[in-house]
Amino acid sequence: MSQDLAKEVFNIKQTQKWLIIYCITITIIAIAGFSFGKFSVNNSKFDEIDVQRINFKEPDGTIRLTISNRTLFPGAFIKNKEVEHPRPMAGMLFFNDEGTESGGLIFNGALNDEGVVSSGVSLTFDRYQQDQQMQLLGVDAGGEHFAGLTFSDVADGIERPVFSDKDRQLSKEGNYAITKRVFLGKTATKNSLLKLMDAQGKSRIEFKVTPEGESTITFFDENGKPLKTITAS
């Protein structure tokens, strides 16, 4: 083998050696970077995050919780599909295993140009595929305010799913999907009140204390008309 040919072979082997070292180095860096990136995504810590909306989802994409501002607040979700349902609120919504809304915490509040307050906070727990069967509500609007806890009868979600054509038709006929059964709270007239209703939503008995301290128990007939009132005296 000539001296020039031997030198050329030597140069080719050296080049191959450095190419192998380079490839191995790049591969190690890529694996390390991927591993570090994966680790950092799963274990990231932040002191502060500015965000308009966060969606928590299962690995298969089923939505479970949303926290949102007013601008991006979602509609209603039925079996992981969004249905148009405008709500000018901020807050969070809870979803069941099927991606259907099962309650939430919503709130708003502002002072308009006329100096009138319009504010509200609502925490609700829904029946399966239906509206709220329990609600904790506080409202301050038009110069009046009230707050209370309400329990309701709610239609069967399987036979009458919310936002369905059947639900809309029955509601138009006056057959509503939700009927209040219990209210406990403070009214706009500043009375402390416990009201118990029948399956038609008619008041049957009320326990009331006025701001002046007058206590009464009132019974009602099947039409919601007062039958008898008992006072402390």
Protein backbone atom coordinates (compact mmCIF):
# COMPACT_ATOMS: atom_id res chain seq x y z
CA MET A 1 0.00 0.00 0.00
CA SER A 2 1.39 3.40 -0.97
CA GLN A 3 2.08 6.05 1.63
CA ASP A 4 -0.66 8.33 0.27
CA LEU A 5 -3.26 5.55 0.30
CA ALA A 6 -2.36 4.55 3.86
CA LYS A 7 -2.68 8.16 4.96
CA GLU A 8 -6.13 8.43 3.32
CA VAL A 9 -7.34 5.25 5.05
CA PHE A 10 -6.07 6.58 8.37
CA ASN A 11 -7.97 9.86 7.88
CA ILE A 12 -11.19 8.01 7.02
CA LYS A 13 -10.93 5.87 10.19
CA GLN A 14 -10.35 8.98 12.32
CA THR A 15 -13.39 10.65 10.77
CA GLN A 16 -15.53 7.58 11.44
CA LYS A 17 -14.33 7.52 15.05
CA TRP A 18 -15.35 11.15 15.64
CA LEU A 19 -18.70 10.59 13.91
CA ILE A 20 -19.43 7.66 16.25
CA ILE A 21 -18.45 9.73 19.31
CA TYR A 22 -20.62 12.61 18.07
CA CYS A 23 -23.66 10.40 17.49
CA ILE A 24 -23.31 8.76 20.91
CA THR A 25 -22.99 12.18 22.58
CA ILE A 26 -26.07 13.59 20.79
CA THR A 27 -28.09 10.48 21.70
CA ILE A 28 -27.16 10.76 25.38
CA ILE A 29 -28.04 14.47 25.43
CA ALA A 30 -31.39 13.80 23.71
CA ILE A 31 -32.31 11.02 26.17
CA ALA A 32 -31.26 13.13 29.13
CA GLY A 33 -33.19 16.12 27.84
CA PHE A 34 -36.32 14.03 27.26
CA SER A 35 -36.09 12.46 30.70
CA PHE A 36 -35.51 15.81 32.38
CA GLY A 37 -38.36 17.38 30.44
CA LYS A 38 -40.72 14.60 31.41
CA PHE A 39 -39.66 14.85 35.02
CA SER A 40 -40.07 18.61 35.10
CA VAL A 41 -43.56 18.47 33.55
CA ASN A 42 -44.75 15.97 36.15
CA ASN A 43 -43.15 17.75 39.09
CA SER A 44 -43.10 21.44 38.17
CA LYS A 45 -43.48 24.01 40.92
CA PHE A 46 -44.51 27.62 40.41
CA ASP A 47 -44.77 30.55 42.79
CA GLU A 48 -47.36 32.30 40.63
CA ILE A 49 -49.29 31.52 37.43
CA ASP A 50 -51.40 33.96 35.40
CA VAL A 51 -54.04 32.07 33.43
CA GLN A 52 -57.58 32.61 32.17
CA ARG A 53 -58.82 29.02 32.29
CA ILE A 54 -57.57 25.61 33.45
CA ASN A 55 -59.16 22.31 32.41
CA PHE A 56 -58.41 19.18 34.46
CA LYS A 57 -58.89 16.00 32.42
CA GLU A 58 -58.48 12.25 32.73
CA PRO A 59 -55.85 10.52 30.53
CA ASP A 60 -58.63 9.67 28.01
CA GLY A 61 -59.64 13.35 27.72
CA THR A 62 -62.73 13.25 29.97
CA ILE A 63 -63.13 16.62 31.65
CA ARG A 64 -63.32 16.56 35.48
CA LEU A 65 -62.83 20.16 36.68
CA THR A 66 -62.67 23.61 35.12
CA ILE A 67 -61.47 26.84 36.75
CA SER A 68 -62.17 29.86 34.60
CA ASN A 69 -62.56 33.60 34.41
CA ARG A 70 -65.76 35.17 33.10
CA THR A 71 -64.55 35.57 29.52
CA LEU A 72 -63.74 31.89 28.92
CA PHE A 73 -66.32 30.35 31.28
CA PRO A 74 -67.67 27.19 29.60
CA GLY A 75 -71.21 26.15 28.81
CA ALA A 76 -72.74 22.98 30.24
CA PHE A 77 -71.09 19.60 29.61
CA ILE A 78 -73.18 16.45 28.99
CA LYS A 79 -71.14 13.25 28.62
CA ASN A 80 -67.98 15.19 27.76
CA LYS A 81 -69.69 17.33 25.10
CA GLU A 82 -70.23 21.05 25.64
CA VAL A 83 -73.75 22.49 25.31
CA GLU A 84 -74.30 26.22 24.90
CA HIS A 85 -75.35 27.63 28.27
CA PRO A 86 -74.23 31.27 28.79
CA ARG A 87 -73.30 32.19 32.35
CA PRO A 88 -71.68 35.62 32.90
CA MET A 89 -69.73 34.35 35.88
CA ALA A 90 -66.28 33.26 36.96
CA GLY A 91 -65.65 30.17 39.07
CA MET A 92 -65.21 26.43 38.83
CA LEU A 93 -67.34 23.53 37.61
CA PHE A 94 -67.26 19.89 38.77
CA PHE A 95 -67.81 16.95 36.39
CA ASN A 96 -68.60 13.30 37.08
CA ASP A 97 -66.86 10.21 35.66
CA GLU A 98 -68.69 10.66 32.34
CA GLY A 99 -67.73 14.30 31.89
CA THR A 100 -71.19 15.61 32.87
CA GLU A 101 -71.53 18.66 35.09
CA SER A 102 -72.28 17.74 38.69
CA GLY A 103 -72.06 21.09 40.46
CA GLY A 104 -69.91 24.14 40.81
CA LEU A 105 -68.94 27.37 42.49
CA ILE A 106 -69.74 30.55 40.53
CA PHE A 107 -69.58 34.22 41.48
CA ASN A 108 -69.79 37.76 40.14
CA GLY A 109 -70.17 41.25 41.55
CA ALA A 110 -69.96 44.86 40.42
CA LEU A 111 -71.16 48.38 41.11
CA ASN A 112 -72.92 49.91 38.09
CA ASP A 113 -72.85 53.52 36.93
CA GLU A 114 -75.91 54.32 39.06
CA GLY A 115 -74.18 53.05 42.18
CA VAL A 116 -76.32 49.89 42.43
CA VAL A 117 -74.66 46.65 43.53
CA SER A 118 -75.22 43.42 41.61
CA SER A 119 -73.39 40.53 43.25
CA GLY A 120 -73.85 36.83 43.85
CA VAL A 121 -72.11 33.63 44.96
CA SER A 122 -73.55 30.15 44.41
CA LEU A 123 -72.27 26.71 45.41
CA THR A 124 -74.35 23.88 43.93
CA PHE A 125 -74.41 20.08 43.93
CA ASP A 126 -76.33 18.48 41.06
CA ARG A 127 -78.18 15.23 40.71
CA TYR A 128 -76.93 12.87 38.03
CA GLN A 129 -77.31 14.54 34.61
CA GLN A 130 -79.65 17.16 36.10
CA ASP A 131 -79.79 20.48 37.91
CA GLN A 132 -78.90 21.31 41.52
CA GLN A 133 -80.48 19.34 44.34
CA MET A 134 -78.62 21.47 46.91
CA GLN A 135 -77.61 25.13 46.63
CA LEU A 136 -75.88 27.58 48.95
CA LEU A 137 -76.66 31.04 47.60
CA GLY A 138 -75.94 34.63 48.53
CA VAL A 139 -77.31 37.54 46.46
CA ASP A 140 -76.92 41.31 46.80
CA ALA A 141 -78.86 43.15 44.10
CA GLY A 142 -81.05 46.20 43.70
CA GLY A 143 -80.53 47.33 47.27
CA GLU A 144 -81.72 44.02 48.73
CA HIS A 145 -79.78 40.98 49.84
CA PHE A 146 -80.55 37.46 50.96
CA ALA A 147 -78.69 34.26 51.66
CA GLY A 148 -79.75 30.70 52.23
CA LEU A 149 -79.48 26.97 51.75
CA THR A 150 -82.01 25.25 49.48
CA PHE A 151 -82.79 21.55 49.01
CA SER A 152 -84.84 20.47 46.00
CA ASP A 153 -86.51 17.50 44.34
CA VAL A 154 -84.96 16.96 40.92
CA ALA A 155 -86.38 14.97 38.02
CA ASP A 156 -84.84 11.62 37.12
CA GLY A 157 -81.81 12.42 35.00
CA ILE A 158 -82.08 9.26 32.92
CA GLU A 159 -85.73 9.76 31.96
CA ARG A 160 -85.47 13.52 31.65
CA PRO A 161 -81.90 14.66 30.94
CA VAL A 162 -81.30 18.37 31.31
CA PHE A 163 -81.24 20.39 28.03
CA SER A 164 -83.08 17.60 26.18
CA ASP A 165 -86.13 18.23 23.95
CA LYS A 166 -88.30 16.40 26.48
CA ASP A 167 -87.07 18.62 29.30
CA ARG A 168 -87.74 21.79 27.30
CA GLN A 169 -91.26 20.64 26.37
CA LEU A 170 -92.20 19.66 29.93
CA SER A 171 -90.84 22.96 31.26
CA LYS A 172 -93.00 24.88 28.77
CA GLU A 173 -96.01 22.95 30.10
CA GLY A 174 -95.16 24.03 33.66
CA ASN A 175 -93.75 20.64 34.66
CA TYR A 176 -90.36 21.81 35.88
CA ALA A 177 -87.41 19.52 36.51
CA ILE A 178 -86.63 21.06 39.90
CA THR A 179 -88.96 21.72 42.86
CA LYS A 180 -87.85 23.46 46.03
CA ARG A 181 -88.57 21.47 49.20
CA VAL A 182 -86.55 23.21 51.94
CA PHE A 183 -85.23 26.75 52.41
CA LEU A 184 -83.15 27.86 55.38
CA GLY A 185 -81.73 31.34 55.47
CA LYS A 186 -82.22 35.08 55.71
CA THR A 187 -84.77 36.75 53.41
CA ALA A 188 -84.64 40.12 51.65
CA THR A 189 -86.91 41.46 54.42
CA LYS A 190 -84.25 40.40 56.97
CA ASN A 191 -86.35 37.60 58.45
CA SER A 192 -84.72 34.37 59.61
CA LEU A 193 -86.75 31.67 57.91
CA LEU A 194 -87.13 27.91 57.70
CA LYS A 195 -89.66 26.95 55.05
CA LEU A 196 -90.80 23.39 54.25
CA MET A 197 -92.63 22.69 50.97
CA ASP A 198 -94.52 19.71 49.56
CA ALA A 199 -93.78 17.82 46.31
CA GLN A 200 -95.57 20.55 44.33
CA GLY A 201 -93.39 23.25 45.82
CA LYS A 202 -96.21 24.69 47.95
CA SER A 203 -95.31 26.00 51.41
CA ARG A 204 -96.82 23.83 54.17
CA ILE A 205 -95.07 25.17 57.27
CA GLU A 206 -92.80 28.14 58.05
CA PHE A 207 -90.72 29.00 61.10
CA LYS A 208 -89.92 32.72 61.12
CA VAL A 209 -88.16 35.28 63.30
CA THR A 210 -88.42 38.96 62.37
CA PRO A 211 -85.62 41.51 62.89
CA GLU A 212 -87.59 42.77 65.90
CA GLY A 213 -87.57 39.29 67.44
CA GLU A 214 -91.18 38.23 66.77
CA SER A 215 -91.32 34.44 66.37
CA THR A 216 -94.10 32.63 64.48
CA ILE A 217 -94.99 29.20 63.14
CA THR A 218 -97.40 29.22 60.19
CA PHE A 219 -99.24 26.26 58.66
CA PHE A 220 -100.49 26.29 55.05
CA ASP A 221 -103.10 24.29 53.10
CA GLU A 222 -102.52 22.37 49.85
CA ASN A 223 -102.82 25.62 47.87
CA GLY A 224 -100.18 27.38 49.94
CA LYS A 225 -102.67 29.57 51.81
CA PRO A 226 -102.12 30.19 55.54
CA LEU A 227 -104.28 28.00 57.80
CA LYS A 228 -103.01 28.87 61.25
CA THR A 229 -100.24 30.92 62.84
CA ILE A 230 -98.80 30.28 66.29
CA THR A 231 -96.98 33.08 68.10
CA ALA A 232 -94.94 33.10 71.30
CA SER A 233 -97.87 34.68 73.14
